[in-house]
Structures are given as structure tokens and as C-alpha cells.
Amino acid sequence: MQSKPFSPSRGPVASGLLALCGLVAFGATAQSSGTHAAQASQVYRCPGPPVLYTDALSPKEAQEKGCRTIEGTPVTVVSVPKPRTAASGQVVSEGPPAAKVDPALQKARDSDRRGVLERELREAEAKLGELQKEYANGQPERRGDERNYQKYLDRVAELKASISRQEADIAAIKREITKLP
């Protein structure tokens, strides 16, 4: 039996093999060009206090800066919409319009708030007076359960810290009262 040379016109099997070989060759070419494109758009993570993610560096620049490539991780870019500006150049808020409160109702709320703050101020000042009386300028009287001198020192330190906290609270309440209309 004599063997004949391969000819593409030999039948459906031969033409199918040729088509398959052509697809494999095309896939290899596409893959190599795809790898080249992937290398061109490589994303790098660069160290620093603001960690930088960028694809604008060449591999040499990335290596010099100590950047590492990010592989297999999708990168999401989120852009924040710019606020609209009015004809006058001021930023226009896009939220619902602010609800206006009746001036009489607002005045009543302010006076209620002032009353609450003044009551808190009186209570804080009274408590500060009691703490200062007990503290007695750093020489409070020893209690019967303070036979150990360290317990006495701990109570004195606690009293001093409480006085400092009360003074800070009073200052904060006074600031709030001055902010009221």
C-alpha cells in the first residue's frame, strides 16, 4: 500500500484538524499579545504613609520605589461626583431643603436648653465645692479604714483627679451656655 502525501482537501477529518491547528496557533498568538498587554497595564502597590496604587509606573521605576505588583486582584476605581455650582459660583447642596423651624418654637427650645445647662452648671459647681472641702488643699482627714498610708494617698489622688474633672466639666458647660443665642 502506497502512502499518499497529506492534502487539506482529503475530507472532513483533515479539514477539521487544519481548523483546530489554526485556532491553536491563533490562541497562542493572542495569548502572547494579551500577556504583553497585561504587563503594560500592571498595577503596583507602593509603600508609604499614603499607600499608592498605580499603573503609571514602568517596571524599573516600580522596582526603584520598592513597589510590588498586584496580581489576580481586581482594582476598583471610585470617582466622587463633583458638587454642582450655582451661577454665582457657590456650591449648591443636592439634599432636601433644610426644614425651617418656627422662630417661636426655636426660641422655646433655646430657653429650655439654657435652663438645663444652667441647672447642670449649678449641680457641677456644688459637687466641686464638696470635693474641694473634702480635699482640704491636699490634706484631707484620714478615715478609719485608711490605716495603710497608701490607701490615704490613693484617695487623695482620686480626689484631686475628681476636682480636675469637675473643673473641666464646668468650663465645658459655660462654653455651651455662651454659644446659645
Protein backbone atom coordinates (compact mmCIF):
# COMPACT_ATOMS: atom_id res chain seq x y z
CA MET A 1 0.00 0.00 0.00
CA GLN A 2 1.34 3.26 -1.01
CA SER A 3 1.06 6.23 1.32
CA LYS A 4 -0.14 9.46 -0.17
CA PRO A 5 1.07 12.86 0.94
CA PHE A 6 -1.26 14.84 3.24
CA SER A 7 -3.62 17.11 1.43
CA PRO A 8 -6.11 19.50 3.02
CA SER A 9 -8.72 18.53 0.52
CA ARG A 10 -8.76 14.93 1.75
CA GLY A 11 -12.02 15.06 3.66
CA PRO A 12 -13.85 16.42 6.70
CA VAL A 13 -11.43 14.99 9.28
CA ALA A 14 -8.41 16.55 7.64
CA SER A 15 -10.08 19.93 7.26
CA GLY A 16 -11.23 19.77 10.93
CA LEU A 17 -7.66 19.12 12.05
CA LEU A 18 -6.42 22.02 9.99
CA ALA A 19 -9.03 24.30 11.52
CA LEU A 20 -8.06 23.13 15.02
CA CYS A 21 -4.36 23.75 14.34
CA GLY A 22 -5.19 27.21 13.04
CA LEU A 23 -7.20 28.01 16.19
CA VAL A 24 -4.40 26.79 18.45
CA ALA A 25 -1.89 28.93 16.59
CA PHE A 26 -4.22 31.94 16.77
CA GLY A 27 -4.80 31.37 20.52
CA ALA A 28 -1.07 31.24 21.19
CA THR A 29 -0.57 34.49 19.33
CA ALA A 30 -3.48 36.15 21.13
CA GLN A 31 -2.23 34.90 24.48
CA SER A 32 1.27 36.23 23.94
CA SER A 33 -0.10 39.63 22.89
CA GLY A 34 -2.51 39.53 25.86
CA THR A 35 0.38 38.86 28.23
CA HIS A 36 2.22 41.81 26.73
CA ALA A 37 -0.88 44.00 27.24
CA ALA A 38 -1.22 42.76 30.82
CA GLN A 39 2.39 43.68 31.52
CA ALA A 40 1.81 47.14 30.09
CA SER A 41 -1.10 47.76 32.47
CA GLN A 42 0.43 46.18 35.57
CA VAL A 43 -0.87 47.64 38.83
CA TYR A 44 1.69 48.37 41.54
CA ARG A 45 1.29 48.88 45.28
CA CYS A 46 3.89 51.35 46.52
CA PRO A 47 4.70 51.68 50.25
CA GLY A 48 4.50 54.88 52.19
CA PRO A 49 2.27 56.69 54.66
CA PRO A 50 -0.26 57.20 51.89
CA VAL A 51 -0.13 53.76 50.23
CA LEU A 52 -0.17 54.32 46.47
CA TYR A 53 -1.81 52.05 43.91
CA THR A 54 -0.80 52.96 40.38
CA ASP A 55 -0.40 51.61 36.87
CA ALA A 56 1.54 54.63 35.63
CA LEU A 57 4.99 53.28 36.55
CA SER A 58 7.37 51.28 34.43
CA PRO A 59 8.72 48.06 35.96
CA LYS A 60 12.10 49.75 36.53
CA GLU A 61 10.53 52.75 38.32
CA ALA A 62 8.40 50.42 40.43
CA GLN A 63 11.44 48.42 41.46
CA GLU A 64 13.35 51.59 42.40
CA LYS A 65 10.49 52.78 44.59
CA GLY A 66 10.05 49.38 46.24
CA CYS A 67 6.61 48.79 44.72
CA ARG A 68 5.09 45.31 44.40
CA THR A 69 2.82 44.08 41.65
CA ILE A 70 -0.76 43.18 42.39
CA GLU A 71 -1.73 40.03 40.52
CA GLY A 72 -5.15 38.49 40.25
CA THR A 73 -6.82 41.22 42.28
CA PRO A 74 -9.40 43.36 40.53
CA VAL A 75 -8.84 47.07 41.04
CA THR A 76 -11.90 49.25 41.52
CA VAL A 77 -11.76 52.96 40.85
CA VAL A 78 -14.42 55.05 42.54
CA SER A 79 -14.92 58.60 41.37
CA VAL A 80 -16.77 61.07 43.52
CA PRO A 81 -19.23 63.29 41.69
CA LYS A 82 -18.30 66.96 41.79
CA PRO A 83 -20.78 69.21 43.59
CA ARG A 84 -22.92 71.38 41.37
CA THR A 85 -22.29 75.09 41.45
CA ALA A 86 -24.83 77.83 41.01
CA ALA A 87 -24.43 80.72 38.60
CA SER A 88 -22.91 82.76 41.44
CA GLY A 89 -20.16 80.16 41.86
CA GLN A 90 -21.35 78.83 45.21
CA VAL A 91 -21.86 75.11 45.82
CA VAL A 92 -25.48 74.02 45.68
CA SER A 93 -26.50 71.28 48.11
CA GLU A 94 -28.23 68.35 46.47
CA GLY A 95 -30.06 67.17 49.60
CA PRO A 96 -33.58 68.07 50.61
CA PRO A 97 -34.11 71.69 51.59
CA ALA A 98 -33.47 72.37 55.26
CA ALA A 99 -36.66 72.35 57.26
CA LYS A 100 -37.32 75.75 58.78
CA VAL A 101 -38.47 75.79 62.39
CA ASP A 102 -40.95 78.29 63.64
CA PRO A 103 -39.00 81.11 65.37
CA ALA A 104 -41.21 80.92 68.49
CA LEU A 105 -40.63 77.17 68.76
CA GLN A 106 -36.87 77.62 68.30
CA LYS A 107 -36.80 80.31 70.99
CA ALA A 108 -38.63 77.96 73.38
CA ARG A 109 -36.12 75.17 72.63
CA ASP A 110 -33.21 77.54 73.24
CA SER A 111 -34.63 78.70 76.57
CA ASP A 112 -35.25 75.08 77.63
CA ARG A 113 -31.69 74.20 76.70
CA ARG A 114 -30.35 77.20 78.61
CA GLY A 115 -32.35 76.13 81.69
CA VAL A 116 -30.99 72.58 81.52
CA LEU A 117 -27.41 73.80 81.12
CA GLU A 118 -27.74 76.27 83.99
CA ARG A 119 -29.14 73.51 86.24
CA GLU A 120 -26.23 71.23 85.28
CA LEU A 121 -23.82 74.09 85.98
CA ARG A 122 -25.25 74.65 89.49
CA GLU A 123 -25.03 70.91 90.24
CA ALA A 124 -21.44 70.69 88.96
CA GLU A 125 -20.38 73.73 90.99
CA ALA A 126 -22.00 72.27 94.13
CA LYS A 127 -20.19 68.96 93.61
CA LEU A 128 -16.92 70.82 93.02
CA GLY A 129 -17.43 72.70 96.30
CA GLU A 130 -17.96 69.41 98.18
CA LEU A 131 -14.87 67.85 96.61
CA GLN A 132 -12.71 70.88 97.43
CA LYS A 133 -13.99 70.87 101.01
CA GLU A 134 -13.13 67.18 101.37
CA TYR A 135 -9.76 67.66 99.64
CA ALA A 136 -8.79 70.45 102.10
CA ASN A 137 -5.92 71.77 99.95
CA GLY A 138 -4.27 68.38 99.64
CA GLN A 139 -4.53 67.49 103.37
CA PRO A 140 -7.87 65.66 103.80
CA GLU A 141 -8.61 63.99 107.13
CA ARG A 142 -7.76 60.34 107.33
CA ARG A 143 -10.62 57.88 107.61
CA GLY A 144 -10.75 54.95 109.96
CA ASP A 145 -10.39 52.43 107.12
CA GLU A 146 -7.18 54.12 105.94
CA ARG A 147 -4.72 52.63 108.39
CA ASN A 148 -2.49 51.92 105.45
CA TYR A 149 -0.89 55.20 104.30
CA GLN A 150 -1.03 54.11 100.65
CA LYS A 151 -4.84 53.94 100.79
CA TYR A 152 -4.87 57.51 102.05
CA LEU A 153 -2.57 58.64 99.22
CA ASP A 154 -4.74 56.84 96.67
CA ARG A 155 -7.86 58.62 97.98
CA VAL A 156 -6.08 61.99 97.85
CA ALA A 157 -5.01 61.36 94.23
CA GLU A 158 -8.56 60.31 93.35
CA LEU A 159 -9.97 63.45 94.94
CA LYS A 160 -7.51 65.62 93.01
CA ALA A 161 -8.48 63.90 89.72
CA SER A 162 -12.18 64.33 90.51
CA ILE A 163 -11.67 68.04 91.16
CA SER A 164 -9.86 68.41 87.82
CA ARG A 165 -12.70 66.60 86.01
CA GLN A 166 -15.34 68.78 87.66
CA GLU A 167 -13.47 71.95 86.73
CA ALA A 168 -13.25 70.76 83.11
CA ASP A 169 -16.98 69.92 83.12
CA ILE A 170 -17.84 73.37 84.48
CA ALA A 171 -15.72 75.05 81.82
CA ALA A 172 -17.42 72.99 79.08
CA ILE A 173 -20.91 73.85 80.37
CA LYS A 174 -20.02 77.54 80.49
CA ARG A 175 -18.79 77.35 76.88
CA GLU A 176 -22.08 75.76 75.83
CA ILE A 177 -24.05 78.48 77.57
CA THR A 178 -22.07 81.22 75.79
CA LYS A 179 -22.83 79.57 72.42
CA LEU A 180 -26.58 79.92 72.99
CA PRO A 181 -28.32 82.86 71.32
